[in-house]
Amino acid sequence: MQAIRSRDTSPELALRSLVHAEGLRYRVAAKPLPGMRRTADLLFRPTRVAVFVDGCFWHGCPEHFVAPKTNPSYWESKIGGNVSRDRDTDERLAGEGWLVLRFWAHQPPAECADAVVTAVVARRAELAERKRQRAAEE
């Protein structure tokens, strides 16, 4: 399993390219929270948007995952652990005010990029509005 890439996969590179072309800048394979051992594929720190591109096999895609016939109990435990860790990550980040976007590797990169751009732009507008409101109160 050492040869399995944890970053720079083809779907991730395609998404990053499209998001970058839209003028957005981000961190790659970064930890959203201090002390958190999990990394987001794309991280927009100022707007608190974390993007994950999940592989169909490793994260148990409901459409494409097929359990291996060899050593099924190991793989069921392994993939189940990945899925539960994903849910835990989502909950922890949401609890800290982050927006978590998850995409499957089989989803069209252009659709994913549109969703990311829309979310980041909306969060920027929210932050700017809050800043204006605070300035008006002072």
N, C-alpha and C. Protein backbone atom coordinates (compact mmCIF):
# COMPACT_ATOMS: atom_id res chain seq x y z
N MET A 1 0.81 -1.20 0.00
CA MET A 1 0.00 0.00 0.00
C MET A 1 0.85 1.27 0.00
N GLN A 2 2.16 1.11 0.10
CA GLN A 2 3.04 2.28 0.08
C GLN A 2 2.98 3.02 -1.25
N ALA A 3 2.66 2.31 -2.31
CA ALA A 3 2.62 2.93 -3.63
C ALA A 3 1.35 3.73 -3.88
N ILE A 4 0.37 3.62 -3.02
CA ILE A 4 -0.88 4.35 -3.19
C ILE A 4 -0.64 5.82 -2.88
N ARG A 5 -1.00 6.67 -3.81
CA ARG A 5 -0.80 8.10 -3.63
C ARG A 5 -1.82 8.68 -2.66
N SER A 6 -1.36 9.54 -1.80
CA SER A 6 -2.29 10.22 -0.90
C SER A 6 -2.54 11.65 -1.38
N ARG A 7 -1.79 12.09 -2.36
CA ARG A 7 -1.98 13.41 -2.94
C ARG A 7 -1.53 13.39 -4.39
N ASP A 8 -1.90 14.42 -5.13
CA ASP A 8 -1.54 14.57 -6.54
C ASP A 8 -2.09 13.45 -7.42
N THR A 9 -3.30 12.99 -7.11
CA THR A 9 -3.95 12.01 -7.97
C THR A 9 -4.49 12.74 -9.20
N SER A 10 -4.81 12.00 -10.24
CA SER A 10 -5.32 12.63 -11.47
C SER A 10 -6.58 13.45 -11.23
N PRO A 11 -7.58 12.93 -10.52
CA PRO A 11 -8.78 13.76 -10.28
C PRO A 11 -8.47 15.02 -9.47
N GLU A 12 -7.56 14.89 -8.52
CA GLU A 12 -7.19 16.05 -7.71
C GLU A 12 -6.46 17.09 -8.55
N LEU A 13 -5.54 16.65 -9.38
CA LEU A 13 -4.80 17.59 -10.24
C LEU A 13 -5.73 18.31 -11.21
N ALA A 14 -6.70 17.58 -11.75
CA ALA A 14 -7.66 18.20 -12.67
C ALA A 14 -8.48 19.27 -11.95
N LEU A 15 -8.93 18.96 -10.76
CA LEU A 15 -9.71 19.92 -9.96
C LEU A 15 -8.86 21.14 -9.62
N ARG A 16 -7.64 20.90 -9.16
CA ARG A 16 -6.76 22.01 -8.81
C ARG A 16 -6.50 22.92 -10.00
N SER A 17 -6.29 22.34 -11.15
CA SER A 17 -6.03 23.13 -12.35
C SER A 17 -7.21 24.04 -12.69
N LEU A 18 -8.41 23.49 -12.63
CA LEU A 18 -9.60 24.28 -12.95
C LEU A 18 -9.86 25.38 -11.91
N VAL A 19 -9.66 25.07 -10.65
CA VAL A 19 -9.88 26.06 -9.59
C VAL A 19 -8.83 27.17 -9.69
N HIS A 20 -7.60 26.79 -9.97
CA HIS A 20 -6.53 27.78 -10.12
C HIS A 20 -6.81 28.68 -11.32
N ALA A 21 -7.32 28.12 -12.41
CA ALA A 21 -7.63 28.91 -13.60
C ALA A 21 -8.72 29.94 -13.32
N GLU A 22 -9.56 29.69 -12.32
CA GLU A 22 -10.59 30.65 -11.93
C GLU A 22 -10.04 31.76 -11.03
N GLY A 23 -8.76 31.69 -10.71
CA GLY A 23 -8.12 32.74 -9.93
C GLY A 23 -8.07 32.49 -8.43
N LEU A 24 -8.51 31.32 -8.00
CA LEU A 24 -8.48 31.03 -6.57
C LEU A 24 -7.14 30.41 -6.19
N ARG A 25 -6.65 30.76 -5.03
CA ARG A 25 -5.40 30.21 -4.53
C ARG A 25 -5.71 29.42 -3.26
N TYR A 26 -4.94 28.38 -3.03
CA TYR A 26 -5.26 27.42 -1.97
C TYR A 26 -3.99 26.73 -1.51
N ARG A 27 -4.10 26.02 -0.41
CA ARG A 27 -3.02 25.16 0.08
C ARG A 27 -3.33 23.74 -0.37
N VAL A 28 -2.29 22.97 -0.61
CA VAL A 28 -2.43 21.58 -1.05
C VAL A 28 -1.98 20.66 0.08
N ALA A 29 -2.79 19.63 0.35
CA ALA A 29 -2.47 18.62 1.36
C ALA A 29 -2.11 19.28 2.69
N ALA A 30 -2.97 20.17 3.15
CA ALA A 30 -2.72 20.93 4.38
C ALA A 30 -3.69 20.50 5.49
N LYS A 31 -3.23 20.66 6.72
CA LYS A 31 -4.06 20.35 7.88
C LYS A 31 -4.95 21.54 8.19
N PRO A 32 -6.26 21.33 8.23
CA PRO A 32 -7.15 22.45 8.51
C PRO A 32 -7.06 22.96 9.95
N LEU A 33 -6.88 22.07 10.90
CA LEU A 33 -6.83 22.46 12.31
C LEU A 33 -5.49 22.05 12.92
N PRO A 34 -4.94 22.87 13.80
CA PRO A 34 -3.71 22.48 14.46
C PRO A 34 -3.91 21.19 15.25
N GLY A 35 -2.98 20.31 15.15
CA GLY A 35 -3.06 19.06 15.88
C GLY A 35 -3.90 17.99 15.19
N MET A 36 -4.56 18.33 14.12
CA MET A 36 -5.35 17.35 13.38
C MET A 36 -4.44 16.61 12.42
N ARG A 37 -4.46 15.29 12.48
CA ARG A 37 -3.56 14.49 11.66
C ARG A 37 -4.08 14.27 10.24
N ARG A 38 -5.22 14.83 9.93
CA ARG A 38 -5.83 14.63 8.61
C ARG A 38 -5.58 15.85 7.75
N THR A 39 -5.42 15.62 6.47
CA THR A 39 -5.16 16.72 5.55
C THR A 39 -6.25 16.82 4.51
N ALA A 40 -6.55 18.05 4.12
CA ALA A 40 -7.51 18.31 3.05
C ALA A 40 -6.73 18.37 1.74
N ASP A 41 -7.37 17.97 0.66
CA ASP A 41 -6.71 18.01 -0.64
C ASP A 41 -6.49 19.45 -1.09
N LEU A 42 -7.49 20.29 -0.91
CA LEU A 42 -7.37 21.73 -1.16
C LEU A 42 -7.90 22.43 0.08
N LEU A 43 -7.20 23.46 0.49
CA LEU A 43 -7.59 24.16 1.70
C LEU A 43 -7.59 25.67 1.45
N PHE A 44 -8.73 26.28 1.70
CA PHE A 44 -8.88 27.73 1.59
C PHE A 44 -9.00 28.25 3.01
N ARG A 45 -7.87 28.58 3.62
CA ARG A 45 -7.85 28.93 5.04
C ARG A 45 -8.66 30.18 5.39
N PRO A 46 -8.51 31.29 4.66
CA PRO A 46 -9.25 32.50 5.07
C PRO A 46 -10.76 32.32 5.05
N THR A 47 -11.26 31.52 4.12
CA THR A 47 -12.71 31.33 4.02
C THR A 47 -13.17 30.06 4.72
N ARG A 48 -12.22 29.30 5.25
CA ARG A 48 -12.51 28.05 5.97
C ARG A 48 -13.30 27.06 5.11
N VAL A 49 -12.73 26.76 3.95
CA VAL A 49 -13.32 25.75 3.07
C VAL A 49 -12.27 24.66 2.89
N ALA A 50 -12.66 23.42 3.19
CA ALA A 50 -11.78 22.27 3.03
C ALA A 50 -12.38 21.36 1.96
N VAL A 51 -11.56 20.98 0.99
CA VAL A 51 -12.02 20.15 -0.13
C VAL A 51 -11.30 18.81 -0.10
N PHE A 52 -12.07 17.74 -0.23
CA PHE A 52 -11.54 16.38 -0.26
C PHE A 52 -11.99 15.71 -1.55
N VAL A 53 -11.06 15.04 -2.23
CA VAL A 53 -11.39 14.24 -3.41
C VAL A 53 -11.14 12.79 -3.01
N ASP A 54 -12.23 12.05 -2.81
CA ASP A 54 -12.14 10.69 -2.29
C ASP A 54 -12.13 9.66 -3.42
N GLY A 55 -11.20 8.73 -3.32
CA GLY A 55 -11.13 7.63 -4.27
C GLY A 55 -12.26 6.64 -4.03
N CYS A 56 -12.82 6.11 -5.10
CA CYS A 56 -13.99 5.23 -4.99
C CYS A 56 -13.69 3.98 -4.17
N PHE A 57 -12.53 3.38 -4.35
CA PHE A 57 -12.23 2.16 -3.60
C PHE A 57 -11.94 2.48 -2.15
N TRP A 58 -11.03 3.39 -1.89
CA TRP A 58 -10.54 3.63 -0.54
C TRP A 58 -11.56 4.26 0.38
N HIS A 59 -12.56 4.93 -0.18
CA HIS A 59 -13.55 5.59 0.66
C HIS A 59 -14.94 5.00 0.51
N GLY A 60 -15.06 3.86 -0.15
CA GLY A 60 -16.31 3.12 -0.21
C GLY A 60 -17.42 3.80 -0.99
N CYS A 61 -17.13 4.24 -2.21
CA CYS A 61 -18.14 4.88 -3.06
C CYS A 61 -19.36 3.97 -3.22
N PRO A 62 -20.56 4.50 -2.96
CA PRO A 62 -21.75 3.67 -3.08
C PRO A 62 -22.02 3.20 -4.52
N GLU A 63 -21.50 3.91 -5.51
CA GLU A 63 -21.72 3.53 -6.91
C GLU A 63 -20.69 2.52 -7.42
N HIS A 64 -19.43 2.68 -7.02
CA HIS A 64 -18.36 1.92 -7.66
C HIS A 64 -17.59 0.95 -6.78
N PHE A 65 -17.76 1.03 -5.47
CA PHE A 65 -16.97 0.17 -4.59
C PHE A 65 -17.40 -1.28 -4.73
N VAL A 66 -16.42 -2.13 -4.98
CA VAL A 66 -16.63 -3.58 -5.01
C VAL A 66 -15.64 -4.17 -4.03
N ALA A 67 -16.16 -4.85 -3.02
CA ALA A 67 -15.29 -5.43 -1.99
C ALA A 67 -14.44 -6.54 -2.59
N PRO A 68 -13.16 -6.57 -2.28
CA PRO A 68 -12.29 -7.65 -2.77
C PRO A 68 -12.74 -9.00 -2.22
N LYS A 69 -12.56 -10.01 -3.01
CA LYS A 69 -12.94 -11.36 -2.58
C LYS A 69 -11.87 -11.98 -1.69
N THR A 70 -10.63 -11.53 -1.83
CA THR A 70 -9.55 -12.01 -1.00
C THR A 70 -9.52 -11.24 0.31
N ASN A 71 -9.52 -11.96 1.41
CA ASN A 71 -9.44 -11.36 2.74
C ASN A 71 -10.53 -10.30 2.97
N PRO A 72 -11.79 -10.65 2.76
CA PRO A 72 -12.87 -9.65 2.84
C PRO A 72 -13.02 -9.00 4.21
N SER A 73 -12.75 -9.72 5.29
CA SER A 73 -12.92 -9.12 6.61
C SER A 73 -11.91 -7.98 6.83
N TYR A 74 -10.69 -8.15 6.34
CA TYR A 74 -9.68 -7.10 6.45
C TYR A 74 -10.15 -5.85 5.70
N TRP A 75 -10.57 -6.05 4.45
CA TRP A 75 -10.94 -4.91 3.62
C TRP A 75 -12.21 -4.23 4.12
N GLU A 76 -13.14 -5.01 4.64
CA GLU A 76 -14.36 -4.42 5.20
C GLU A 76 -14.00 -3.52 6.37
N SER A 77 -13.11 -3.98 7.22
CA SER A 77 -12.67 -3.20 8.37
C SER A 77 -11.90 -1.96 7.90
N LYS A 78 -11.01 -2.13 6.95
CA LYS A 78 -10.17 -1.04 6.44
C LYS A 78 -11.02 0.06 5.81
N ILE A 79 -11.87 -0.30 4.88
CA ILE A 79 -12.69 0.69 4.18
C ILE A 79 -13.71 1.31 5.14
N GLY A 80 -14.30 0.50 6.01
CA GLY A 80 -15.23 1.02 7.01
C GLY A 80 -14.57 2.03 7.92
N GLY A 81 -13.33 1.77 8.30
CA GLY A 81 -12.57 2.72 9.12
C GLY A 81 -12.33 4.03 8.39
N ASN A 82 -12.03 3.94 7.10
CA ASN A 82 -11.82 5.15 6.30
C ASN A 82 -13.09 5.99 6.25
N VAL A 83 -14.22 5.31 6.02
CA VAL A 83 -15.50 6.02 5.93
C VAL A 83 -15.84 6.69 7.26
N SER A 84 -15.67 5.97 8.35
CA SER A 84 -15.98 6.57 9.66
C SER A 84 -15.03 7.72 9.98
N ARG A 85 -13.77 7.61 9.59
CA ARG A 85 -12.82 8.71 9.81
C ARG A 85 -13.23 9.92 8.97
N ASP A 86 -13.70 9.69 7.75
CA ASP A 86 -14.19 10.80 6.91
C ASP A 86 -15.33 11.53 7.60
N ARG A 87 -16.29 10.79 8.14
CA ARG A 87 -17.44 11.40 8.83
C ARG A 87 -16.98 12.17 10.06
N ASP A 88 -16.03 11.60 10.81
CA ASP A 88 -15.50 12.28 11.98
C ASP A 88 -14.81 13.59 11.59
N THR A 89 -14.05 13.54 10.52
CA THR A 89 -13.37 14.75 10.02
C THR A 89 -14.39 15.81 9.66
N ASP A 90 -15.44 15.40 8.94
CA ASP A 90 -16.50 16.35 8.54
C ASP A 90 -17.11 17.01 9.78
N GLU A 91 -17.43 16.21 10.78
CA GLU A 91 -18.07 16.73 12.00
C GLU A 91 -17.14 17.68 12.75
N ARG A 92 -15.88 17.30 12.89
CA ARG A 92 -14.93 18.14 13.62
C ARG A 92 -14.72 19.48 12.93
N LEU A 93 -14.58 19.45 11.61
CA LEU A 93 -14.37 20.69 10.87
C LEU A 93 -15.62 21.57 10.90
N ALA A 94 -16.78 20.96 10.73
CA ALA A 94 -18.03 21.73 10.78
C ALA A 94 -18.20 22.37 12.15
N GLY A 95 -17.81 21.66 13.19
CA GLY A 95 -17.89 22.20 14.54
C GLY A 95 -17.00 23.41 14.76
N GLU A 96 -15.95 23.52 13.96
CA GLU A 96 -15.03 24.66 14.05
C GLU A 96 -15.35 25.75 13.02
N GLY A 97 -16.48 25.62 12.34
CA GLY A 97 -16.89 26.65 11.39
C GLY A 97 -16.40 26.47 9.97
N TRP A 98 -15.89 25.30 9.64
CA TRP A 98 -15.40 25.03 8.29
C TRP A 98 -16.52 24.48 7.42
N LEU A 99 -16.45 24.78 6.14
CA LEU A 99 -17.32 24.17 5.14
C LEU A 99 -16.53 23.05 4.51
N VAL A 100 -17.06 21.83 4.56
CA VAL A 100 -16.37 20.67 4.00
C VAL A 100 -17.05 20.29 2.70
N LEU A 101 -16.26 20.21 1.64
CA LEU A 101 -16.76 19.77 0.33
C LEU A 101 -16.07 18.45 0.01
N ARG A 102 -16.86 17.41 -0.26
CA ARG A 102 -16.31 16.10 -0.62
C ARG A 102 -16.79 15.72 -2.01
N PHE A 103 -15.85 15.26 -2.80
CA PHE A 103 -16.17 14.81 -4.16
C PHE A 103 -15.59 13.42 -4.37
N TRP A 104 -16.25 12.66 -5.21
CA TRP A 104 -15.73 11.34 -5.59
C TRP A 104 -14.80 11.52 -6.78
N ALA A 105 -13.84 10.64 -6.88
CA ALA A 105 -12.85 10.71 -7.96
C ALA A 105 -13.51 10.58 -9.33
N HIS A 106 -14.68 9.94 -9.41
CA HIS A 106 -15.34 9.74 -10.70
C HIS A 106 -16.19 10.94 -11.14
N GLN A 107 -16.39 11.90 -10.26
CA GLN A 107 -17.20 13.06 -10.63
C GLN A 107 -16.44 13.94 -11.62
N PRO A 108 -17.17 14.56 -12.56
CA PRO A 108 -16.50 15.44 -13.54
C PRO A 108 -15.79 16.60 -12.83
N PRO A 109 -14.53 16.80 -13.13
CA PRO A 109 -13.76 17.87 -12.47
C PRO A 109 -14.38 19.25 -12.65
N ALA A 110 -14.99 19.51 -13.81
CA ALA A 110 -15.57 20.83 -14.04
C ALA A 110 -16.73 21.10 -13.08
N GLU A 111 -17.55 20.10 -12.81
CA GLU A 111 -18.66 20.26 -11.86
C GLU A 111 -18.12 20.50 -10.45
N CYS A 112 -17.10 19.75 -10.08
CA CYS A 112 -16.49 19.91 -8.76
C CYS A 112 -15.88 21.30 -8.62
N ALA A 113 -15.18 21.75 -9.65
CA ALA A 113 -14.55 23.06 -9.62
C ALA A 113 -15.59 24.16 -9.49
N ASP A 114 -16.71 24.03 -10.20
CA ASP A 114 -17.78 25.02 -10.10
C ASP A 114 -18.30 25.10 -8.67
N ALA A 115 -18.49 23.95 -8.04
CA ALA A 115 -18.98 23.92 -6.66
C ALA A 115 -17.98 24.57 -5.71
N VAL A 116 -16.70 24.30 -5.91
CA VAL A 116 -15.66 24.88 -5.06
C VAL A 116 -15.62 26.40 -5.22
N VAL A 117 -15.60 26.85 -6.46
CA VAL A 117 -15.53 28.29 -6.72
C VAL A 117 -16.75 29.00 -6.13
N THR A 118 -17.92 28.42 -6.33
CA THR A 118 -19.14 29.01 -5.79
C THR A 118 -19.08 29.11 -4.27
N ALA A 119 -18.63 28.05 -3.63
CA ALA A 119 -18.57 28.03 -2.16
C ALA A 119 -17.56 29.05 -1.63
N VAL A 120 -16.39 29.10 -2.23
CA VAL A 120 -15.36 30.02 -1.75
C VAL A 120 -15.78 31.48 -1.97
N VAL A 121 -16.35 31.77 -3.11
CA VAL A 121 -16.79 33.14 -3.39
C VAL A 121 -17.91 33.55 -2.42
N ALA A 122 -18.83 32.64 -2.15
CA ALA A 122 -19.92 32.93 -1.21
C ALA A 122 -19.37 33.16 0.19
N ARG A 123 -18.42 32.34 0.62
CA ARG A 123 -17.84 32.52 1.95
C ARG A 123 -17.07 33.84 2.04
N ARG A 124 -16.39 34.22 0.96
CA ARG A 124 -15.69 35.51 0.95
C ARG A 124 -16.67 36.65 1.12
N ALA A 125 -17.81 36.56 0.44
CA ALA A 125 -18.82 37.61 0.54
C ALA A 125 -19.37 37.68 1.96
N GLU A 126 -19.59 36.52 2.60
CA GLU A 126 -20.06 36.49 3.99
C GLU A 126 -19.06 37.17 4.92
N LEU A 127 -17.77 36.84 4.73
CA LEU A 127 -16.74 37.44 5.57
C LEU A 127 -16.67 38.95 5.38
N ALA A 128 -16.78 39.41 4.14
CA ALA A 128 -16.73 40.84 3.85
C ALA A 128 -17.92 41.55 4.48
N GLU A 129 -19.09 40.92 4.42
CA GLU A 129 -20.29 41.52 5.00
C GLU A 129 -20.16 41.62 6.52
N ARG A 130 -19.66 40.57 7.15
CA ARG A 130 -19.45 40.61 8.61
C ARG A 130 -18.47 41.71 8.99
N LYS A 131 -17.42 41.87 8.18
CA LYS A 131 -16.41 42.89 8.45
C LYS A 131 -17.03 44.28 8.34
N ARG A 132 -17.88 44.47 7.32
CA ARG A 132 -18.57 45.76 7.15
C ARG A 132 -19.48 46.05 8.34
N GLN A 133 -20.20 45.03 8.81
CA GLN A 133 -21.11 45.21 9.93
C GLN A 133 -20.36 45.57 11.20
N ARG A 134 -19.21 44.91 11.42
CA ARG A 134 -18.41 45.23 12.60
C ARG A 134 -17.88 46.67 12.54
N ALA A 135 -17.44 47.08 11.34
CA ALA A 135 -16.92 48.44 11.18
C ALA A 135 -18.03 49.47 11.42
N ALA A 136 -19.24 49.16 10.98
CA ALA A 136 -20.36 50.08 11.16
C ALA A 136 -20.75 50.19 12.63
N GLU A 137 -20.59 49.12 13.39
CA GLU A 137 -20.92 49.11 14.82
C GLU A 137 -19.93 49.93 15.64
N GLU A 138 -18.71 50.02 15.17
CA GLU A 138 -17.67 50.73 15.94
C GLU A 138 -17.71 52.20 15.80
